[in-house]
Amino acid sequence: MMLENNVTSTAAEETKIKLHSGLTVAQLSYFSNLLLKSEIIKHENQSEVFQFMATNFKTNVTDKISPESFRSKYYNVEDSTKHFVREKIIDLLNLTKS
């Protein structure tokens, strides 16, 4: 019976719809950091945010993001990640001109 539940659980995870991000896990993690800091996303428990993002997003490279990986990249941001996300935010701002 436990085996059946495990198979059902795994099948449900595989069929779950995830948002496909054009960002890497590191970039997505940093962007979520900015959303939290700017209070665009308001949530008191960061672990729940990590879990939500990891569960509901996929990238070009991976369909499964681990919350631990997301957390690690959230706190350890590389300069190249900051630069790339900054450029994307500038692109977003430019879209508001028209």
N, C-alpha and C. Protein backbone atom coordinates (compact mmCIF):
# COMPACT_ATOMS: atom_id res chain seq x y z
N MET A 1 0.81 -1.18 0.00
CA MET A 1 0.00 0.00 0.00
C MET A 1 0.87 1.26 0.00
N MET A 2 1.97 1.26 0.77
CA MET A 2 2.87 2.41 0.78
C MET A 2 3.51 2.60 -0.57
N LEU A 3 3.83 1.51 -1.24
CA LEU A 3 4.43 1.59 -2.57
C LEU A 3 3.46 2.23 -3.55
N GLU A 4 2.18 1.86 -3.48
CA GLU A 4 1.17 2.44 -4.35
C GLU A 4 1.05 3.95 -4.11
N ASN A 5 1.05 4.36 -2.86
CA ASN A 5 0.97 5.79 -2.53
C ASN A 5 2.18 6.54 -3.06
N ASN A 6 3.35 5.93 -2.96
CA ASN A 6 4.57 6.55 -3.43
C ASN A 6 4.52 6.72 -4.95
N VAL A 7 4.06 5.73 -5.67
CA VAL A 7 3.96 5.79 -7.13
C VAL A 7 2.95 6.86 -7.53
N THR A 8 1.82 6.92 -6.84
CA THR A 8 0.81 7.94 -7.12
C THR A 8 1.35 9.33 -6.86
N SER A 9 2.07 9.49 -5.77
CA SER A 9 2.66 10.78 -5.43
C SER A 9 3.67 11.21 -6.49
N THR A 10 4.52 10.30 -6.94
CA THR A 10 5.52 10.60 -7.95
C THR A 10 4.85 10.96 -9.27
N ALA A 11 3.81 10.25 -9.65
CA ALA A 11 3.09 10.53 -10.89
C ALA A 11 2.44 11.91 -10.83
N ALA A 12 1.89 12.27 -9.67
CA ALA A 12 1.27 13.58 -9.52
C ALA A 12 2.30 14.70 -9.66
N GLU A 13 3.50 14.49 -9.11
CA GLU A 13 4.56 15.48 -9.23
C GLU A 13 4.98 15.66 -10.68
N GLU A 14 5.05 14.58 -11.43
CA GLU A 14 5.50 14.66 -12.81
C GLU A 14 4.47 15.34 -13.70
N THR A 15 3.18 15.26 -13.38
CA THR A 15 2.16 15.88 -14.20
C THR A 15 1.81 17.29 -13.74
N LYS A 16 2.39 17.75 -12.64
CA LYS A 16 2.12 19.08 -12.13
C LYS A 16 2.60 20.12 -13.14
N ILE A 17 1.77 21.11 -13.36
CA ILE A 17 2.14 22.19 -14.28
C ILE A 17 3.09 23.14 -13.55
N LYS A 18 4.21 23.43 -14.20
CA LYS A 18 5.19 24.35 -13.63
C LYS A 18 5.39 25.50 -14.61
N LEU A 19 5.65 26.67 -14.09
CA LEU A 19 5.97 27.81 -14.93
C LEU A 19 7.41 27.66 -15.42
N HIS A 20 7.60 27.83 -16.71
CA HIS A 20 8.92 27.70 -17.31
C HIS A 20 9.57 29.07 -17.31
N SER A 21 10.65 29.21 -16.59
CA SER A 21 11.37 30.48 -16.49
C SER A 21 12.54 30.49 -17.46
N GLY A 22 12.76 31.63 -18.08
CA GLY A 22 13.94 31.81 -18.93
C GLY A 22 15.17 32.14 -18.11
N LEU A 23 15.00 32.23 -16.80
CA LEU A 23 16.12 32.50 -15.90
C LEU A 23 16.70 31.20 -15.39
N THR A 24 17.95 31.23 -14.99
CA THR A 24 18.55 30.08 -14.32
C THR A 24 18.02 30.02 -12.89
N VAL A 25 18.32 28.96 -12.18
CA VAL A 25 17.91 28.86 -10.78
C VAL A 25 18.53 30.00 -9.97
N ALA A 26 19.79 30.30 -10.20
CA ALA A 26 20.45 31.38 -9.47
C ALA A 26 19.78 32.72 -9.76
N GLN A 27 19.46 32.98 -11.02
CA GLN A 27 18.82 34.24 -11.40
C GLN A 27 17.41 34.33 -10.84
N LEU A 28 16.68 33.23 -10.90
CA LEU A 28 15.33 33.19 -10.36
C LEU A 28 15.34 33.41 -8.84
N SER A 29 16.30 32.82 -8.19
CA SER A 29 16.45 32.97 -6.75
C SER A 29 16.76 34.42 -6.38
N TYR A 30 17.68 35.02 -7.09
CA TYR A 30 18.04 36.42 -6.83
C TYR A 30 16.85 37.35 -7.12
N PHE A 31 16.13 37.09 -8.21
CA PHE A 31 14.97 37.90 -8.55
C PHE A 31 13.90 37.81 -7.46
N SER A 32 13.70 36.61 -6.94
CA SER A 32 12.73 36.46 -5.84
C SER A 32 13.21 37.20 -4.59
N ASN A 33 14.52 37.23 -4.38
CA ASN A 33 15.10 37.99 -3.28
C ASN A 33 14.71 39.47 -3.42
N LEU A 34 14.84 40.00 -4.63
CA LEU A 34 14.49 41.40 -4.88
C LEU A 34 13.00 41.64 -4.70
N LEU A 35 12.18 40.69 -5.14
CA LEU A 35 10.73 40.82 -4.97
C LEU A 35 10.34 40.86 -3.50
N LEU A 36 11.02 40.07 -2.69
CA LEU A 36 10.76 40.08 -1.25
C LEU A 36 11.26 41.38 -0.60
N LYS A 37 12.45 41.81 -0.96
CA LYS A 37 13.00 43.04 -0.38
C LYS A 37 12.18 44.27 -0.73
N SER A 38 11.63 44.29 -1.94
CA SER A 38 10.84 45.44 -2.37
C SER A 38 9.37 45.31 -1.94
N GLU A 39 9.06 44.22 -1.28
CA GLU A 39 7.72 43.92 -0.78
C GLU A 39 6.68 43.78 -1.89
N ILE A 40 7.14 43.40 -3.09
CA ILE A 40 6.20 43.00 -4.15
C ILE A 40 5.60 41.66 -3.76
N ILE A 41 6.43 40.79 -3.20
CA ILE A 41 5.96 39.56 -2.56
C ILE A 41 6.08 39.78 -1.07
N LYS A 42 4.99 39.57 -0.36
CA LYS A 42 4.99 39.74 1.09
C LYS A 42 4.70 38.39 1.73
N HIS A 43 5.71 37.84 2.37
CA HIS A 43 5.55 36.57 3.06
C HIS A 43 6.58 36.52 4.17
N GLU A 44 6.16 36.14 5.34
CA GLU A 44 7.05 36.18 6.50
C GLU A 44 8.02 35.01 6.56
N ASN A 45 7.67 33.89 5.95
CA ASN A 45 8.49 32.69 6.05
C ASN A 45 9.24 32.46 4.74
N GLN A 46 10.53 32.78 4.73
CA GLN A 46 11.32 32.63 3.50
C GLN A 46 11.41 31.17 3.05
N SER A 47 11.45 30.25 3.99
CA SER A 47 11.52 28.83 3.61
C SER A 47 10.31 28.42 2.77
N GLU A 48 9.16 28.97 3.09
CA GLU A 48 7.96 28.67 2.31
C GLU A 48 8.05 29.27 0.91
N VAL A 49 8.67 30.43 0.80
CA VAL A 49 8.88 31.04 -0.52
C VAL A 49 9.83 30.17 -1.34
N PHE A 50 10.92 29.71 -0.72
CA PHE A 50 11.86 28.84 -1.42
C PHE A 50 11.14 27.58 -1.91
N GLN A 51 10.35 26.98 -1.03
CA GLN A 51 9.62 25.76 -1.37
C GLN A 51 8.64 26.02 -2.52
N PHE A 52 7.91 27.12 -2.45
CA PHE A 52 6.95 27.46 -3.50
C PHE A 52 7.63 27.63 -4.85
N MET A 53 8.71 28.42 -4.85
CA MET A 53 9.42 28.68 -6.11
C MET A 53 10.01 27.40 -6.68
N ALA A 54 10.62 26.60 -5.84
CA ALA A 54 11.22 25.35 -6.29
C ALA A 54 10.17 24.38 -6.83
N THR A 55 9.02 24.36 -6.22
CA THR A 55 7.96 23.43 -6.60
C THR A 55 7.23 23.87 -7.86
N ASN A 56 7.12 25.17 -8.09
CA ASN A 56 6.26 25.68 -9.15
C ASN A 56 6.97 26.24 -10.37
N PHE A 57 8.29 26.22 -10.37
CA PHE A 57 9.05 26.71 -11.51
C PHE A 57 9.99 25.65 -12.04
N LYS A 58 10.31 25.76 -13.33
CA LYS A 58 11.36 24.97 -13.95
C LYS A 58 12.17 25.90 -14.83
N THR A 59 13.36 25.47 -15.21
CA THR A 59 14.23 26.29 -16.04
C THR A 59 14.57 25.53 -17.32
N ASN A 60 15.35 26.16 -18.18
CA ASN A 60 15.78 25.48 -19.40
C ASN A 60 16.63 24.25 -19.09
N VAL A 61 17.33 24.30 -17.96
CA VAL A 61 18.25 23.23 -17.60
C VAL A 61 17.61 22.14 -16.75
N THR A 62 16.72 22.54 -15.85
CA THR A 62 16.16 21.55 -14.92
C THR A 62 14.65 21.70 -14.77
N ASP A 63 13.99 20.55 -14.69
CA ASP A 63 12.56 20.54 -14.42
C ASP A 63 12.27 20.49 -12.93
N LYS A 64 13.24 20.05 -12.16
CA LYS A 64 13.08 19.94 -10.70
C LYS A 64 14.13 20.80 -10.02
N ILE A 65 13.66 21.80 -9.29
CA ILE A 65 14.56 22.66 -8.52
C ILE A 65 14.43 22.24 -7.06
N SER A 66 15.55 22.02 -6.42
CA SER A 66 15.48 21.65 -5.01
C SER A 66 15.40 22.94 -4.17
N PRO A 67 14.58 22.93 -3.14
CA PRO A 67 14.51 24.11 -2.27
C PRO A 67 15.87 24.46 -1.65
N GLU A 68 16.70 23.46 -1.39
CA GLU A 68 18.02 23.71 -0.82
C GLU A 68 18.91 24.45 -1.82
N SER A 69 18.83 24.07 -3.09
CA SER A 69 19.60 24.76 -4.12
C SER A 69 19.11 26.20 -4.25
N PHE A 70 17.80 26.37 -4.24
CA PHE A 70 17.21 27.70 -4.34
C PHE A 70 17.68 28.57 -3.17
N ARG A 71 17.64 28.01 -1.97
CA ARG A 71 18.07 28.73 -0.76
C ARG A 71 19.55 29.11 -0.85
N SER A 72 20.38 28.18 -1.26
CA SER A 72 21.81 28.44 -1.36
C SER A 72 22.10 29.59 -2.32
N LYS A 73 21.43 29.57 -3.46
CA LYS A 73 21.64 30.62 -4.46
C LYS A 73 21.02 31.95 -4.03
N TYR A 74 20.02 31.89 -3.18
CA TYR A 74 19.38 33.09 -2.64
C TYR A 74 20.37 33.87 -1.78
N TYR A 75 21.14 33.15 -0.97
CA TYR A 75 22.06 33.79 -0.04
C TYR A 75 23.47 33.99 -0.61
N ASN A 76 23.82 33.26 -1.65
CA ASN A 76 25.16 33.35 -2.25
C ASN A 76 25.03 33.76 -3.70
N VAL A 77 24.94 35.07 -3.91
CA VAL A 77 24.68 35.60 -5.25
C VAL A 77 25.98 36.01 -5.92
N GLU A 78 26.19 35.51 -7.12
CA GLU A 78 27.38 35.87 -7.89
C GLU A 78 27.13 37.19 -8.61
N ASP A 79 28.22 37.92 -8.87
CA ASP A 79 28.11 39.21 -9.55
C ASP A 79 27.48 39.07 -10.94
N SER A 80 27.80 38.00 -11.65
CA SER A 80 27.24 37.80 -12.98
C SER A 80 25.72 37.63 -12.92
N THR A 81 25.24 37.00 -11.86
CA THR A 81 23.79 36.83 -11.66
C THR A 81 23.14 38.19 -11.43
N LYS A 82 23.75 39.01 -10.57
CA LYS A 82 23.22 40.35 -10.30
C LYS A 82 23.17 41.17 -11.59
N HIS A 83 24.23 41.10 -12.38
CA HIS A 83 24.29 41.87 -13.63
C HIS A 83 23.19 41.43 -14.59
N PHE A 84 23.02 40.12 -14.77
CA PHE A 84 22.02 39.61 -15.70
C PHE A 84 20.61 40.03 -15.26
N VAL A 85 20.30 39.89 -13.97
CA VAL A 85 18.97 40.25 -13.47
C VAL A 85 18.75 41.75 -13.59
N ARG A 86 19.78 42.52 -13.35
CA ARG A 86 19.68 43.98 -13.51
C ARG A 86 19.30 44.32 -14.94
N GLU A 87 19.94 43.68 -15.90
CA GLU A 87 19.63 43.93 -17.32
C GLU A 87 18.19 43.54 -17.64
N LYS A 88 17.72 42.46 -17.08
CA LYS A 88 16.33 42.03 -17.30
C LYS A 88 15.35 43.05 -16.70
N ILE A 89 15.69 43.60 -15.54
CA ILE A 89 14.83 44.61 -14.91
C ILE A 89 14.81 45.87 -15.77
N ILE A 90 15.93 46.25 -16.34
CA ILE A 90 15.98 47.39 -17.26
C ILE A 90 15.10 47.11 -18.48
N ASP A 91 15.15 45.87 -18.99
CA ASP A 91 14.27 45.49 -20.10
C ASP A 91 12.80 45.66 -19.71
N LEU A 92 12.45 45.25 -18.50
CA LEU A 92 11.08 45.41 -18.01
C LEU A 92 10.69 46.88 -17.94
N LEU A 93 11.58 47.70 -17.42
CA LEU A 93 11.31 49.14 -17.35
C LEU A 93 11.11 49.74 -18.73
N ASN A 94 11.90 49.30 -19.69
CA ASN A 94 11.77 49.81 -21.06
C ASN A 94 10.42 49.42 -21.67
N LEU A 95 9.86 48.31 -21.24
CA LEU A 95 8.55 47.91 -21.74
C LEU A 95 7.44 48.84 -21.25
N THR A 96 7.68 49.57 -20.17
CA THR A 96 6.66 50.47 -19.64
C THR A 96 6.62 51.81 -20.38
N LYS A 97 7.57 52.07 -21.24
CA LYS A 97 7.65 53.35 -21.96
C LYS A 97 6.52 53.50 -22.99
N SER A 98 6.08 52.42 -23.56
CA SER A 98 5.10 52.54 -24.64
C SER A 98 3.68 52.47 -24.17
